[in-house]
Protein backbone atom coordinates (compact mmCIF):
# COMPACT_ATOMS: atom_id res chain seq x y z
CA UNK A 1 8.25 -10.97 -10.28
CA UNK A 2 8.75 -12.05 -6.81
CA UNK A 3 6.71 -14.69 -5.41
CA UNK A 4 5.67 -15.61 -1.84
CA UNK A 5 6.98 -19.17 -0.74
CA UNK A 6 3.03 -20.22 -0.75
CA UNK A 7 3.15 -19.50 -4.50
CA UNK A 8 6.34 -20.90 -5.25
CA UNK A 9 4.84 -24.06 -4.18
CA UNK A 10 2.19 -23.63 -5.68
CA UNK A 11 4.16 -23.12 -9.00
CA UNK A 12 6.17 -26.30 -8.09
CA UNK A 13 3.09 -28.25 -7.35
CA UNK A 14 1.81 -27.37 -10.99
CA UNK A 15 4.98 -27.67 -12.79
CA UNK A 16 5.11 -31.30 -11.60
CA UNK A 17 1.18 -32.25 -11.70
CA UNK A 18 -0.31 -30.55 -14.70
CA UNK A 19 -3.38 -30.09 -15.47
CA UNK A 20 -4.66 -29.56 -11.74
CA UNK A 21 -7.62 -28.67 -10.30
CA UNK A 22 -7.80 -25.50 -7.42
CA UNK A 23 -9.05 -28.00 -5.38
CA UNK A 24 -6.45 -30.68 -5.48
CA UNK A 25 -3.83 -27.63 -5.42
CA UNK A 26 -5.29 -27.14 -2.22
CA UNK A 27 -5.32 -30.69 -0.88
CA UNK A 28 -1.37 -31.43 -1.45
CA UNK A 29 -1.11 -27.37 0.78
CA UNK A 30 -3.75 -28.74 2.99
CA UNK A 31 -5.16 -25.48 2.49
CA UNK A 32 -8.90 -24.32 1.61
CA UNK A 33 -9.94 -23.75 -1.79
CA UNK A 34 -10.62 -20.09 -0.43
CA UNK A 35 -7.11 -19.42 1.22
CA UNK A 36 -5.59 -20.35 -1.92
CA UNK A 37 -8.11 -18.57 -4.50
CA UNK A 38 -5.92 -14.72 -4.18
CA UNK A 39 -2.41 -17.02 -5.30
CA UNK A 40 -4.09 -18.48 -7.89
CA UNK A 41 -5.26 -14.93 -9.28
CA UNK A 42 -2.40 -13.24 -8.68
CA UNK A 43 -0.15 -16.07 -10.97
CA UNK A 44 -2.62 -16.22 -13.27
CA UNK A 45 -2.35 -12.80 -13.96
CA UNK A 46 0.88 -12.36 -13.93
CA UNK A 47 0.79 -15.19 -16.38
CA UNK A 48 2.90 -17.64 -14.47
CA UNK A 49 -0.17 -20.04 -14.55
CA UNK A 50 -2.66 -20.70 -17.13
CA UNK A 51 -6.32 -21.36 -15.96
CA UNK A 52 -8.22 -23.86 -18.38
CA UNK A 53 -12.12 -23.96 -17.60
CA UNK A 54 -13.32 -27.66 -16.50
CA UNK A 55 -9.62 -28.66 -17.18
CA UNK A 56 -7.26 -27.05 -14.14
CA UNK A 57 -3.93 -24.79 -13.89
CA UNK A 58 -0.78 -25.30 -16.40
CA UNK A 59 2.72 -24.40 -16.09
CA UNK A 60 3.41 -21.65 -18.64
CA UNK A 61 6.93 -22.20 -19.70
CA UNK A 62 7.54 -18.88 -21.46
CA UNK A 63 4.98 -16.88 -19.19
CA UNK A 64 3.82 -13.41 -19.99
CA UNK A 65 2.24 -10.90 -17.59
CA UNK A 66 -1.30 -10.50 -18.36
CA UNK A 67 -2.22 -7.15 -20.14
CA UNK A 68 -3.79 -5.97 -16.54
CA UNK A 69 -0.17 -6.25 -15.02
CA UNK A 70 1.85 -4.39 -17.52
CA UNK A 71 -0.99 -1.57 -17.60
CA UNK A 72 -0.36 -1.89 -13.67
CA UNK A 73 2.89 -2.27 -13.94
CA UNK A 74 3.44 1.65 -16.28
CA UNK A 75 0.65 3.78 -13.87
CA UNK A 76 3.40 5.73 -11.55
CA UNK A 77 1.62 7.20 -7.94
CA UNK A 78 1.80 11.53 -9.00
CA UNK A 79 -0.94 10.63 -11.36
CA UNK A 80 -3.32 9.26 -8.61
CA UNK A 81 -2.55 10.62 -5.77
CA UNK A 82 -4.66 13.04 -3.37
CA UNK A 83 -4.10 16.11 -1.19
CA UNK A 84 -2.23 15.57 1.26
CA UNK A 85 -4.12 15.28 4.82
CA UNK A 86 -1.69 17.76 7.05
CA UNK A 87 -1.42 19.35 10.28
CA UNK A 88 1.30 21.45 12.29
CA UNK A 89 3.24 19.94 14.72
CA UNK A 90 1.71 22.09 17.52
CA UNK A 91 -1.77 21.21 17.13
CA UNK A 92 -3.58 19.17 19.98
CA UNK A 93 -3.97 15.66 19.84
CA UNK A 94 -7.72 16.55 20.67
CA UNK A 95 -7.90 18.79 17.25
CA UNK A 96 -6.06 15.85 15.44
CA UNK A 97 -9.03 13.96 16.51
CA UNK A 98 -11.39 16.13 15.46
CA UNK A 99 -9.14 17.05 11.72
CA UNK A 100 -9.20 13.13 11.14
CA UNK A 101 -12.91 12.83 11.84
CA UNK A 102 -14.00 15.82 9.15
CA UNK A 103 -11.05 14.72 6.12
CA UNK A 104 -12.53 10.87 6.84
CA UNK A 105 -8.90 9.87 7.11
CA UNK A 106 -7.01 7.62 8.58
CA UNK A 107 -3.69 9.17 9.34
CA UNK A 108 -2.35 12.84 9.27
CA UNK A 109 1.01 14.32 7.92
CA UNK A 110 2.85 16.38 10.30
CA UNK A 111 4.32 19.43 8.45
CA UNK A 112 6.56 22.75 9.08
CA UNK A 113 5.06 25.68 7.33
CA UNK A 114 6.80 25.00 4.30
CA UNK A 115 5.43 21.74 4.04
CA UNK A 116 8.48 19.97 5.23
CA UNK A 117 7.63 16.09 6.33
CA UNK A 118 8.20 16.43 9.92
CA UNK A 119 6.09 13.00 11.06
CA UNK A 120 3.00 10.62 10.81
CA UNK A 121 0.12 10.58 13.37
CA UNK A 122 -2.45 7.59 13.58
CA UNK A 123 -5.14 6.91 15.23
CA UNK A 124 -3.57 4.27 16.85
CA UNK A 125 -1.07 6.73 17.71
CA UNK A 126 -3.99 8.82 19.14
CA UNK A 127 -5.32 5.98 20.61
CA UNK A 128 -2.70 5.08 22.88
CA UNK A 129 -2.50 8.34 24.09
CA UNK A 130 -5.54 8.42 25.01
CA UNK A 131 -5.63 4.71 27.02
CA UNK A 132 -2.21 6.43 28.68
CA UNK A 133 -4.63 9.06 29.66
CA UNK A 134 -2.58 12.15 28.05
CA UNK A 135 -4.68 15.04 28.24
CA UNK A 136 -5.63 15.27 24.59
CA UNK A 137 -6.35 19.23 24.98
CA UNK A 138 -2.50 20.20 25.90
CA UNK A 139 -0.50 17.77 24.39
CA UNK A 140 0.36 18.90 20.83
CA UNK A 141 1.05 15.77 18.18
CA UNK A 142 4.37 16.44 18.33
CA UNK A 143 4.92 15.06 21.14
CA UNK A 144 3.78 11.48 20.39
CA UNK A 145 4.03 11.77 16.40
CA UNK A 146 6.13 9.32 14.26
CA UNK A 147 9.04 11.67 13.44
CA UNK A 148 11.69 11.47 10.93
CA UNK A 149 13.20 9.28 9.66
CA UNK A 150 10.91 6.80 10.53
CA UNK A 151 8.61 7.51 8.28
CA UNK A 152 7.55 5.26 4.72
CA UNK A 153 7.31 7.39 1.82
CA UNK A 154 6.61 7.44 -1.71
CA UNK A 155 7.57 10.03 -4.35
CA UNK A 156 5.36 10.66 -8.10
CA UNK A 157 7.58 8.91 -10.17
CA UNK A 158 7.60 5.34 -8.49
CA UNK A 159 5.38 2.98 -9.81
CA UNK A 160 1.98 2.19 -8.22
CA UNK A 161 2.55 -1.23 -7.74
CA UNK A 162 5.82 0.15 -5.36
CA UNK A 163 3.72 2.02 -3.20
CA UNK A 164 1.22 -0.45 -3.10
CA UNK A 165 3.74 -3.24 -1.68
CA UNK A 166 4.87 -0.23 0.80
CA UNK A 167 1.21 0.03 1.96
CA UNK A 168 0.77 -3.72 2.56
CA UNK A 169 4.38 -4.73 4.29
CA UNK A 170 4.27 -1.87 6.81
CA UNK A 171 0.64 -2.26 7.34
CA UNK A 172 0.09 1.56 7.25
CA UNK A 173 -3.13 3.11 5.50
CA UNK A 174 -0.63 6.20 3.96
CA UNK A 175 2.24 7.33 2.01
CA UNK A 176 3.04 10.87 2.28
CA UNK A 177 4.00 11.73 -1.28
CA UNK A 178 7.26 14.54 -1.32
CA UNK A 179 9.75 15.30 -3.46
CA UNK A 180 13.36 16.51 -2.33
CA UNK A 181 15.05 19.74 -1.52
CA UNK A 182 18.87 20.82 -0.08
CA UNK A 183 18.53 23.26 2.57
CA UNK A 184 20.55 25.48 3.64
CA UNK A 185 23.16 23.71 5.63
CA UNK A 186 22.89 21.28 2.31
CA UNK A 187 21.14 18.58 4.09
CA UNK A 188 18.35 16.67 2.07
CA UNK A 189 14.78 17.83 3.01
CA UNK A 190 10.86 16.28 2.05
CA UNK A 191 9.23 18.37 0.45
CA UNK A 192 4.79 17.13 0.94
CA UNK A 193 2.76 17.48 -2.23
CA UNK A 194 0.25 14.90 -1.39
CA UNK A 195 -0.61 11.44 0.07
CA UNK A 196 -1.08 8.10 -1.57
CA UNK A 197 -3.20 5.17 0.26
CA UNK A 198 -5.33 1.97 -0.07
CA UNK A 199 -7.91 4.47 -0.78
CA UNK A 200 -5.81 5.26 -4.15
CA UNK A 201 -5.50 1.79 -4.59
CA UNK A 202 -8.86 0.30 -4.81
CA UNK A 203 -9.36 3.65 -7.07
CA UNK A 204 -7.25 2.36 -9.51
CA UNK A 205 -8.13 -0.71 -9.40
CA UNK A 206 -11.26 -0.18 -10.18
CA UNK A 207 -10.60 2.30 -12.89
CA UNK A 208 -8.68 -0.60 -14.71
CA UNK A 209 -11.70 -2.90 -13.77
CA UNK A 210 -14.36 -0.55 -15.64
CA UNK A 211 -12.06 0.46 -18.71
CA UNK A 212 -14.16 -0.51 -21.94
CA UNK A 213 -17.60 -1.38 -20.14
């Protein structure tokens, strides 16, 4: 498991001072307990730390990940992907806004007639166009979209944890789910077969969390 800088510092503090309470760790880091809570939860889930009620946190020398983390690592994007919210590059920015509204999505995948991935367009892209006084009804999305190869994507066999990291690291809400194919020139292309979003991640956590209830 790759830890953040703050999580690494937390582990070092617990190693040297266990048992230690969350409040004591927060004091050493000059942080609030609320700020620290997500990191402590992650480290406990990962099996790096052990939390004992009314005692505090301990470092686990031979730590093993929790059953939840093991399960999450087994899940694949293809089992949870949604139908792609896709448009053609020649539709107007105005029509793209309408499509976003009617499909209740934050980003649209731009594809060719053969479903090849061409680009992405987000609310932010359309807002920039509107603020720049672009004629939204006349200018096609192909003019302002983010184009290949600058698209962050995923594949059906990628672990959902890795896909979720991409969403977080790149601060985006949608990943096109693609399959590769070779065109007539021998170049690698990407066919869109779905989308993986922050909503998918939330649904996965809810489903796992309610198992057995």
